[in-house]
């Protein structure tokens, strides 16, 4: 696949700290939990807690919750399947 972009932001090591900065600015407590299989990035605000494998993933989960709340598990429209179908073509 050849993608031409003027600007591209990729989730990698250099996006972890900026993601944590945004979370703190939004009022979240952030911390790192060490486990047997690696680390979990954690954020909490009020009674809601989020756990992820990377800083950008953590920010994504928080954004999902802020946008959709407790109704976050929406499956329609099925954009995921739509994109997979396009890739297979």
PDB file of N, CA and C in Angstrom:
ATOM      1  N   UNK A   1       0.846  -1.176   0.000  1.00  0.00           N
ATOM      2  CA  UNK A   1       0.000   0.000   0.000  1.00  0.00           C
ATOM      3  C   UNK A   1       0.892   1.240   0.000  1.00  0.00           C
ATOM      4  N   UNK A   2       0.607   2.170  -0.877  1.00  0.00           N
ATOM      5  CA  UNK A   2       1.364   3.404  -0.977  1.00  0.00           C
ATOM      6  C   UNK A   2       0.437   4.558  -0.600  1.00  0.00           C
ATOM      7  N   UNK A   3       0.691   5.180   0.545  1.00  0.00           N
ATOM      8  CA  UNK A   3      -0.151   6.267   1.031  1.00  0.00           C
ATOM      9  C   UNK A   3       0.667   7.550   1.021  1.00  0.00           C
ATOM     10  N   UNK A   4       0.164   8.548   0.351  1.00  0.00           N
ATOM     11  CA  UNK A   4       0.818   9.850   0.293  1.00  0.00           C
ATOM     12  C   UNK A   4       0.077  10.814   1.221  1.00  0.00           C
ATOM     13  N   UNK A   5       0.769  11.299   2.237  1.00  0.00           N
ATOM     14  CA  UNK A   5       0.172  12.225   3.190  1.00  0.00           C
ATOM     15  C   UNK A   5       1.111  13.407   3.404  1.00  0.00           C
ATOM     16  N   UNK A   6       0.531  14.572   3.574  1.00  0.00           N
ATOM     17  CA  UNK A   6       1.352  15.738   3.899  1.00  0.00           C
ATOM     18  C   UNK A   6       1.815  15.675   5.343  1.00  0.00           C
ATOM     19  N   UNK A   7       0.943  15.201   6.213  1.00  0.00           N
ATOM     20  CA  UNK A   7       1.251  15.104   7.627  1.00  0.00           C
ATOM     21  C   UNK A   7       0.677  13.797   8.141  1.00  0.00           C
ATOM     22  N   UNK A   8       1.423  13.121   8.993  1.00  0.00           N
ATOM     23  CA  UNK A   8       0.962  11.834   9.495  1.00  0.00           C
ATOM     24  C   UNK A   8       1.393  11.691  10.948  1.00  0.00           C
ATOM     25  N   UNK A   9       0.456  11.363  11.800  1.00  0.00           N
ATOM     26  CA  UNK A   9       0.739  11.115  13.212  1.00  0.00           C
ATOM     27  C   UNK A   9       0.541   9.627  13.451  1.00  0.00           C
ATOM     28  N   UNK A  10       1.580   8.957  13.941  1.00  0.00           N
ATOM     29  CA  UNK A  10       1.538   7.513  14.154  1.00  0.00           C
ATOM     30  C   UNK A  10       1.660   7.233  15.644  1.00  0.00           C
ATOM     31  N   UNK A  11       0.807   6.344  16.159  1.00  0.00           N
ATOM     32  CA  UNK A  11       0.888   5.954  17.563  1.00  0.00           C
ATOM     33  C   UNK A  11       2.171   5.155  17.771  1.00  0.00           C
ATOM     34  N   UNK A  12       3.130   5.759  18.453  1.00  0.00           N
ATOM     35  CA  UNK A  12       4.394   5.097  18.762  1.00  0.00           C
ATOM     36  C   UNK A  12       4.933   5.711  20.052  1.00  0.00           C
ATOM     37  N   UNK A  13       6.146   5.360  20.392  1.00  0.00           N
ATOM     38  CA  UNK A  13       6.722   5.804  21.661  1.00  0.00           C
ATOM     39  C   UNK A  13       6.669   7.301  21.906  1.00  0.00           C
ATOM     40  N   UNK A  14       6.810   8.082  20.855  1.00  0.00           N
ATOM     41  CA  UNK A  14       6.827   9.536  21.058  1.00  0.00           C
ATOM     42  C   UNK A  14       5.428  10.132  21.224  1.00  0.00           C
ATOM     43  N   UNK A  15       4.373   9.311  21.157  1.00  0.00           N
ATOM     44  CA  UNK A  15       3.018   9.833  21.386  1.00  0.00           C
ATOM     45  C   UNK A  15       2.500   9.479  22.785  1.00  0.00           C
ATOM     46  N   UNK A  16       3.256   8.702  23.547  1.00  0.00           N
ATOM     47  CA  UNK A  16       2.803   8.321  24.890  1.00  0.00           C
ATOM     48  C   UNK A  16       2.682   9.539  25.802  1.00  0.00           C
ATOM     49  N   UNK A  17       3.756  10.302  25.943  1.00  0.00           N
ATOM     50  CA  UNK A  17       3.735  11.441  26.863  1.00  0.00           C
ATOM     51  C   UNK A  17       2.728  12.514  26.442  1.00  0.00           C
ATOM     52  N   UNK A  18       2.638  12.883  25.160  1.00  0.00           N
ATOM     53  CA  UNK A  18       1.605  13.850  24.786  1.00  0.00           C
ATOM     54  C   UNK A  18       0.190  13.364  25.130  1.00  0.00           C
ATOM     55  N   UNK A  19      -0.043  12.062  24.992  1.00  0.00           N
ATOM     56  CA  UNK A  19      -1.352  11.510  25.349  1.00  0.00           C
ATOM     57  C   UNK A  19      -1.622  11.683  26.841  1.00  0.00           C
ATOM     58  N   UNK A  20      -0.600  11.454  27.652  1.00  0.00           N
ATOM     59  CA  UNK A  20      -0.745  11.609  29.101  1.00  0.00           C
ATOM     60  C   UNK A  20      -0.923  13.074  29.489  1.00  0.00           C
ATOM     61  N   UNK A  21      -0.256  13.968  28.774  1.00  0.00           N
ATOM     62  CA  UNK A  21      -0.428  15.406  29.015  1.00  0.00           C
ATOM     63  C   UNK A  21      -1.880  15.802  28.778  1.00  0.00           C
ATOM     64  N   UNK A  22      -2.463  15.331  27.674  1.00  0.00           N
ATOM     65  CA  UNK A  22      -3.860  15.643  27.358  1.00  0.00           C
ATOM     66  C   UNK A  22      -4.787  15.100  28.446  1.00  0.00           C
ATOM     67  N   UNK A  23      -4.536  13.876  28.880  1.00  0.00           N
ATOM     68  CA  UNK A  23      -5.379  13.288  29.926  1.00  0.00           C
ATOM     69  C   UNK A  23      -5.327  14.103  31.212  1.00  0.00           C
ATOM     70  N   UNK A  24      -4.145  14.515  31.620  1.00  0.00           N
ATOM     71  CA  UNK A  24      -4.034  15.352  32.827  1.00  0.00           C
ATOM     72  C   UNK A  24      -4.743  16.693  32.639  1.00  0.00           C
ATOM     73  N   UNK A  25      -4.609  17.287  31.466  1.00  0.00           N
ATOM     74  CA  UNK A  25      -5.296  18.553  31.194  1.00  0.00           C
ATOM     75  C   UNK A  25      -6.808  18.396  31.295  1.00  0.00           C
ATOM     76  N   UNK A  26      -7.300  17.205  30.950  1.00  0.00           N
ATOM     77  CA  UNK A  26      -8.737  16.918  31.033  1.00  0.00           C
ATOM     78  C   UNK A  26      -9.169  16.541  32.452  1.00  0.00           C
ATOM     79  N   UNK A  27      -8.228  16.548  33.394  1.00  0.00           N
ATOM     80  CA  UNK A  27      -8.567  16.296  34.790  1.00  0.00           C
ATOM     81  C   UNK A  27      -8.472  14.850  35.234  1.00  0.00           C
ATOM     82  N   UNK A  28      -7.787  14.000  34.465  1.00  0.00           N
ATOM     83  CA  UNK A  28      -7.642  12.600  34.829  1.00  0.00           C
ATOM     84  C   UNK A  28      -6.384  12.383  35.649  1.00  0.00           C
ATOM     85  N   UNK A  29      -6.482  11.501  36.632  1.00  0.00           N
ATOM     86  CA  UNK A  29      -5.313  11.004  37.343  1.00  0.00           C
ATOM     87  C   UNK A  29      -4.738   9.902  36.463  1.00  0.00           C
ATOM     88  N   UNK A  30      -3.442   9.897  36.242  1.00  0.00           N
ATOM     89  CA  UNK A  30      -2.820   8.865  35.400  1.00  0.00           C
ATOM     90  C   UNK A  30      -1.720   8.164  36.184  1.00  0.00           C
ATOM     91  N   UNK A  31      -1.581   6.867  35.951  1.00  0.00           N
ATOM     92  CA  UNK A  31      -0.529   6.087  36.586  1.00  0.00           C
ATOM     93  C   UNK A  31      -0.245   4.839  35.760  1.00  0.00           C
ATOM     94  N   UNK A  32       0.834   4.166  36.111  1.00  0.00           N
ATOM     95  CA  UNK A  32       1.270   2.965  35.426  1.00  0.00           C
ATOM     96  C   UNK A  32       1.236   1.802  36.414  1.00  0.00           C
ATOM     97  N   UNK A  33       0.613   0.695  36.006  1.00  0.00           N
ATOM     98  CA  UNK A  33       0.551  -0.523  36.824  1.00  0.00           C
ATOM     99  C   UNK A  33       1.456  -1.568  36.177  1.00  0.00           C
ATOM    100  N   UNK A  34       2.364  -2.124  36.956  1.00  0.00           N
ATOM    101  CA  UNK A  34       3.230  -3.182  36.435  1.00  0.00           C
ATOM    102  C   UNK A  34       2.573  -4.532  36.680  1.00  0.00           C
ATOM    103  N   UNK A  35       2.569  -5.361  35.642  1.00  0.00           N
ATOM    104  CA  UNK A  35       2.002  -6.693  35.754  1.00  0.00           C
ATOM    105  C   UNK A  35       2.965  -7.730  35.227  1.00  0.00           C
ATOM    106  N   UNK A  36       2.574  -8.988  35.318  1.00  0.00           N
ATOM    107  CA  UNK A  36       3.425 -10.085  34.849  1.00  0.00           C
ATOM    108  C   UNK A  36       3.635 -10.034  33.342  1.00  0.00           C
ATOM    109  N   UNK A  37       2.638  -9.577  32.607  1.00  0.00           N
ATOM    110  CA  UNK A  37       2.701  -9.559  31.141  1.00  0.00           C
ATOM    111  C   UNK A  37       3.036  -8.182  30.580  1.00  0.00           C
ATOM    112  N   UNK A  38       3.577  -7.293  31.388  1.00  0.00           N
ATOM    113  CA  UNK A  38       3.889  -5.946  30.931  1.00  0.00           C
ATOM    114  C   UNK A  38       3.204  -4.921  31.811  1.00  0.00           C
ATOM    115  N   UNK A  39       3.048  -3.735  31.292  1.00  0.00           N
ATOM    116  CA  UNK A  39       2.470  -2.643  32.057  1.00  0.00           C
ATOM    117  C   UNK A  39       1.112  -2.254  31.512  1.00  0.00           C
ATOM    118  N   UNK A  40       0.284  -1.739  32.396  1.00  0.00           N
ATOM    119  CA  UNK A  40      -0.998  -1.167  32.010  1.00  0.00           C
ATOM    120  C   UNK A  40      -0.979   0.320  32.325  1.00  0.00           C
ATOM    121  N   UNK A  41      -1.383   1.113  31.357  1.00  0.00           N
ATOM    122  CA  UNK A  41      -1.514   2.551  31.527  1.00  0.00           C
ATOM    123  C   UNK A  41      -2.914   2.803  32.056  1.00  0.00           C
ATOM    124  N   UNK A  42      -3.027   3.607  33.108  1.00  0.00           N
ATOM    125  CA  UNK A  42      -4.303   3.769  33.810  1.00  0.00           C
ATOM    126  C   UNK A  42      -4.658   5.241  33.947  1.00  0.00           C
ATOM    127  N   UNK A  43      -5.950   5.496  33.907  1.00  0.00           N
ATOM    128  CA  UNK A  43      -6.468   6.847  34.124  1.00  0.00           C
ATOM    129  C   UNK A  43      -7.767   6.739  34.908  1.00  0.00           C
ATOM    130  N   UNK A  44      -8.012   7.741  35.758  1.00  0.00           N
ATOM    131  CA  UNK A  44      -9.241   7.757  36.545  1.00  0.00           C
ATOM    132  C   UNK A  44      -9.723   9.194  36.696  1.00  0.00           C
ATOM    133  N   UNK A  45     -11.026   9.326  36.610  1.00  0.00           N
ATOM    134  CA  UNK A  45     -11.679  10.608  36.889  1.00  0.00           C
ATOM    135  C   UNK A  45     -13.019  10.260  37.501  1.00  0.00           C
ATOM    136  N   UNK A  46     -13.244  10.738  38.714  1.00  0.00           N
ATOM    137  CA  UNK A  46     -14.465  10.360  39.411  1.00  0.00           C
ATOM    138  C   UNK A  46     -14.473   8.862  39.653  1.00  0.00           C
ATOM    139  N   UNK A  47     -15.583   8.214  39.327  1.00  0.00           N
ATOM    140  CA  UNK A  47     -15.696   6.773  39.545  1.00  0.00           C
ATOM    141  C   UNK A  47     -15.314   5.951  38.316  1.00  0.00           C
ATOM    142  N   UNK A  48     -14.924   6.609  37.224  1.00  0.00           N
ATOM    143  CA  UNK A  48     -14.607   5.902  35.976  1.00  0.00           C
ATOM    144  C   UNK A  48     -13.103   5.670  35.858  1.00  0.00           C
ATOM    145  N   UNK A  49     -12.713   4.422  35.631  1.00  0.00           N
ATOM    146  CA  UNK A  49     -11.308   4.049  35.477  1.00  0.00           C
ATOM    147  C   UNK A  49     -11.100   3.413  34.107  1.00  0.00           C
ATOM    148  N   UNK A  50      -9.947   3.691  33.512  1.00  0.00           N
ATOM    149  CA  UNK A  50      -9.601   3.180  32.179  1.00  0.00           C
ATOM    150  C   UNK A  50      -8.245   2.500  32.252  1.00  0.00           C
ATOM    151  N   UNK A  51      -8.092   1.381  31.543  1.00  0.00           N
ATOM    152  CA  UNK A  51      -6.834   0.636  31.479  1.00  0.00           C
ATOM    153  C   UNK A  51      -6.513   0.355  30.023  1.00  0.00           C
ATOM    154  N   UNK A  52      -5.239   0.519  29.653  1.00  0.00           N
ATOM    155  CA  UNK A  52      -4.838   0.293  28.261  1.00  0.00           C
ATOM    156  C   UNK A  52      -3.385  -0.164  28.225  1.00  0.00           C
ATOM    157  N   UNK A  53      -2.959  -0.618  27.043  1.00  0.00           N
ATOM    158  CA  UNK A  53      -1.592  -1.094  26.873  1.00  0.00           C
ATOM    159  C   UNK A  53      -0.626  -0.003  26.432  1.00  0.00           C
ATOM    160  N   UNK A  54      -1.136   1.139  25.974  1.00  0.00           N
ATOM    161  CA  UNK A  54      -0.288   2.265  25.555  1.00  0.00           C
ATOM    162  C   UNK A  54      -0.948   3.576  25.961  1.00  0.00           C
ATOM    163  N   UNK A  55      -0.148   4.644  25.976  1.00  0.00           N
ATOM    164  CA  UNK A  55      -0.687   5.972  26.269  1.00  0.00           C
ATOM    165  C   UNK A  55      -1.729   6.427  25.252  1.00  0.00           C
ATOM    166  N   UNK A  56      -1.447   6.308  23.944  1.00  0.00           N
ATOM    167  CA  UNK A  56      -2.448   6.712  22.953  1.00  0.00           C
ATOM    168  C   UNK A  56      -3.731   5.878  23.037  1.00  0.00           C
ATOM    169  N   UNK A  57      -3.592   4.599  23.334  1.00  0.00           N
ATOM    170  CA  UNK A  57      -4.761   3.739  23.492  1.00  0.00           C
ATOM    171  C   UNK A  57      -5.587   4.198  24.692  1.00  0.00           C
ATOM    172  N   UNK A  58      -4.932   4.583  25.764  1.00  0.00           N
ATOM    173  CA  UNK A  58      -5.620   5.092  26.950  1.00  0.00           C
ATOM    174  C   UNK A  58      -6.400   6.353  26.620  1.00  0.00           C
ATOM    175  N   UNK A  59      -5.779   7.263  25.906  1.00  0.00           N
ATOM    176  CA  UNK A  59      -6.460   8.488  25.485  1.00  0.00           C
ATOM    177  C   UNK A  59      -7.658   8.154  24.594  1.00  0.00           C
ATOM    178  N   UNK A  60      -7.515   7.162  23.732  1.00  0.00           N
ATOM    179  CA  UNK A  60      -8.615   6.744  22.868  1.00  0.00           C
ATOM    180  C   UNK A  60      -9.798   6.223  23.667  1.00  0.00           C
ATOM    181  N   UNK A  61      -9.535   5.408  24.702  1.00  0.00           N
ATOM    182  CA  UNK A  61     -10.619   4.887  25.533  1.00  0.00           C
ATOM    183  C   UNK A  61     -11.336   6.009  26.277  1.00  0.00           C
ATOM    184  N   UNK A  62     -10.563   6.957  26.807  1.00  0.00           N
ATOM    185  CA  UNK A  62     -11.167   8.095  27.504  1.00  0.00           C
ATOM    186  C   UNK A  62     -12.028   8.905  26.542  1.00  0.00           C
ATOM    187  N   UNK A  63     -11.533   9.138  25.344  1.00  0.00           N
ATOM    188  CA  UNK A  63     -12.291   9.893  24.341  1.00  0.00           C
ATOM    189  C   UNK A  63     -13.571   9.155  23.973  1.00  0.00           C
ATOM    190  N   UNK A  64     -13.494   7.843  23.826  1.00  0.00           N
ATOM    191  CA  UNK A  64     -14.670   7.025  23.541  1.00  0.00           C
ATOM    192  C   UNK A  64     -15.714   7.200  24.641  1.00  0.00           C
ATOM    193  N   UNK A  65     -15.287   7.154  25.894  1.00  0.00           N
ATOM    194  CA  UNK A  65     -16.191   7.318  27.028  1.00  0.00           C
ATOM    195  C   UNK A  65     -16.766   8.738  27.079  1.00  0.00           C
ATOM    196  N   UNK A  66     -15.926   9.724  26.853  1.00  0.00           N
ATOM    197  CA  UNK A  66     -16.406  11.115  26.898  1.00  0.00           C
ATOM    198  C   UNK A  66     -17.435  11.381  25.805  1.00  0.00           C
ATOM    199  N   UNK A  67     -17.267  10.749  24.666  1.00  0.00           N
ATOM    200  CA  UNK A  67     -18.178  10.955  23.540  1.00  0.00           C
ATOM    201  C   UNK A  67     -19.478  10.160  23.691  1.00  0.00           C
ATOM    202  N   UNK A  68     -19.375   8.895  24.128  1.00  0.00           N
ATOM    203  CA  UNK A  68     -20.543   8.001  24.124  1.00  0.00           C
ATOM    204  C   UNK A  68     -21.041   7.601  25.511  1.00  0.00           C
ATOM    205  N   UNK A  69     -20.250   7.844  26.555  1.00  0.00           N
ATOM    206  CA  UNK A  69     -20.658   7.507  27.913  1.00  0.00           C
ATOM    207  C   UNK A  69     -20.885   6.017  28.087  1.00  0.00           C
ATOM    208  N   UNK A  70     -21.826   5.676  28.939  1.00  0.00           N
ATOM    209  CA  UNK A  70     -22.081   4.265  29.235  1.00  0.00           C
ATOM    210  C   UNK A  70     -22.655   3.519  28.030  1.00  0.00           C
ATOM    211  N   UNK A  71     -23.032   4.234  26.986  1.00  0.00           N
ATOM    212  CA  UNK A  71     -23.514   3.629  25.746  1.00  0.00           C
ATOM    213  C   UNK A  71     -22.369   3.493  24.732  1.00  0.00           C
ATOM    214  N   UNK A  72     -21.145   3.287  25.228  1.00  0.00           N
ATOM    215  CA  UNK A  72     -19.949   3.264  24.377  1.00  0.00           C
ATOM    216  C   UNK A  72     -19.902   2.067  23.434  1.00  0.00           C
ATOM    217  N   UNK A  73     -20.560   0.962  23.773  1.00  0.00           N
ATOM    218  CA  UNK A  73     -20.425  -0.269  22.980  1.00  0.00           C
ATOM    219  C   UNK A  73     -21.407  -0.297  21.806  1.00  0.00           C
ATOM    220  N   UNK A  74     -21.355   0.701  20.979  1.00  0.00           N
ATOM    221  CA  UNK A  74     -22.235   0.786  19.811  1.00  0.00           C
ATOM    222  C   UNK A  74     -21.645  -0.039  18.665  1.00  0.00           C
ATOM    223  N   UNK A  75     -22.459  -0.866  18.055  1.00  0.00           N
ATOM    224  CA  UNK A  75     -21.991  -1.742  16.982  1.00  0.00           C
ATOM    225  C   UNK A  75     -22.602  -1.405  15.621  1.00  0.00           C
ATOM    226  N   UNK A  76     -23.461  -0.416  15.566  1.00  0.00           N
ATOM    227  CA  UNK A  76     -24.082  -0.012  14.298  1.00  0.00           C
ATOM    228  C   UNK A  76     -23.935   1.485  14.119  1.00  0.00           C
ATOM    229  N   UNK A  77     -23.561   1.927  12.968  1.00  0.00           N
ATOM    230  CA  UNK A  77     -23.234   1.148  11.784  1.00  0.00           C
ATOM    231  C   UNK A  77     -21.921   0.396  11.992  1.00  0.00           C
ATOM    232  N   UNK A  78     -21.738  -0.722  11.315  1.00  0.00           N
ATOM    233  CA  UNK A  78     -20.564  -1.573  11.476  1.00  0.00           C
ATOM    234  C   UNK A  78     -19.443  -1.093  10.546  1.00  0.00           C
ATOM    235  N   UNK A  79     -18.824  -0.005  10.937  1.00  0.00           N
ATOM    236  CA  UNK A  79     -17.754   0.597  10.146  1.00  0.00           C
ATOM    237  C   UNK A  79     -16.537  -0.321  10.096  1.00  0.00           C
ATOM    238  N   UNK A  80     -16.284  -1.028  11.184  1.00  0.00           N
ATOM    239  CA  UNK A  80     -15.162  -1.966  11.245  1.00  0.00           C
ATOM    240  C   UNK A  80     -15.268  -3.002  10.127  1.00  0.00           C
ATOM    241  N   UNK A  81     -16.419  -3.640  10.009  1.00  0.00           N
ATOM    242  CA  UNK A  81     -16.625  -4.647   8.952  1.00  0.00           C
ATOM    243  C   UNK A  81     -16.544  -4.005   7.570  1.00  0.00           C
ATOM    244  N   UNK A  82     -17.067  -2.801   7.450  1.00  0.00           N
ATOM    245  CA  UNK A  82     -17.031  -2.083   6.171  1.00  0.00           C
ATOM    246  C   UNK A  82     -15.588  -1.858   5.716  1.00  0.00           C
ATOM    247  N   UNK A  83     -14.738  -1.442   6.653  1.00  0.00           N
ATOM    248  CA  UNK A  83     -13.332  -1.195   6.310  1.00  0.00           C
ATOM    249  C   UNK A  83     -12.601  -2.484   5.978  1.00  0.00           C
ATOM    250  N   UNK A  84     -12.875  -3.553   6.742  1.00  0.00           N
ATOM    251  CA  UNK A  84     -12.261  -4.842   6.442  1.00  0.00           C
ATOM    252  C   UNK A  84     -12.646  -5.330   5.056  1.00  0.00           C
ATOM    253  N   UNK A  85     -13.898  -5.144   4.702  1.00  0.00           N
ATOM    254  CA  UNK A  85     -14.372  -5.562   3.396  1.00  0.00           C
ATOM    255  C   UNK A  85     -13.645  -4.814   2.278  1.00  0.00           C
ATOM    256  N   UNK A  86     -13.415  -3.526   2.479  1.00  0.00           N
ATOM    257  CA  UNK A  86     -12.729  -2.728   1.468  1.00  0.00           C
ATOM    258  C   UNK A  86     -11.270  -3.154   1.305  1.00  0.00           C
ATOM    259  N   UNK A  87     -10.637  -3.546   2.398  1.00  0.00           N
ATOM    260  CA  UNK A  87      -9.242  -3.978   2.342  1.00  0.00           C
ATOM    261  C   UNK A  87      -9.119  -5.278   1.558  1.00  0.00           C
ATOM    262  N   UNK A  88     -10.082  -6.159   1.711  1.00  0.00           N
ATOM    263  CA  UNK A  88     -10.031  -7.452   1.046  1.00  0.00           C
ATOM    264  C   UNK A  88     -10.239  -7.352  -0.446  1.00  0.00           C
ATOM    265  N   UNK A  89     -10.848  -6.259  -0.931  1.00  0.00           N
ATOM    266  CA  UNK A  89     -11.108  -6.091  -2.371  1.00  0.00           C
ATOM    267  C   UNK A  89      -9.845  -5.877  -3.159  1.00  0.00           C
TER     268      UNK A  89
END
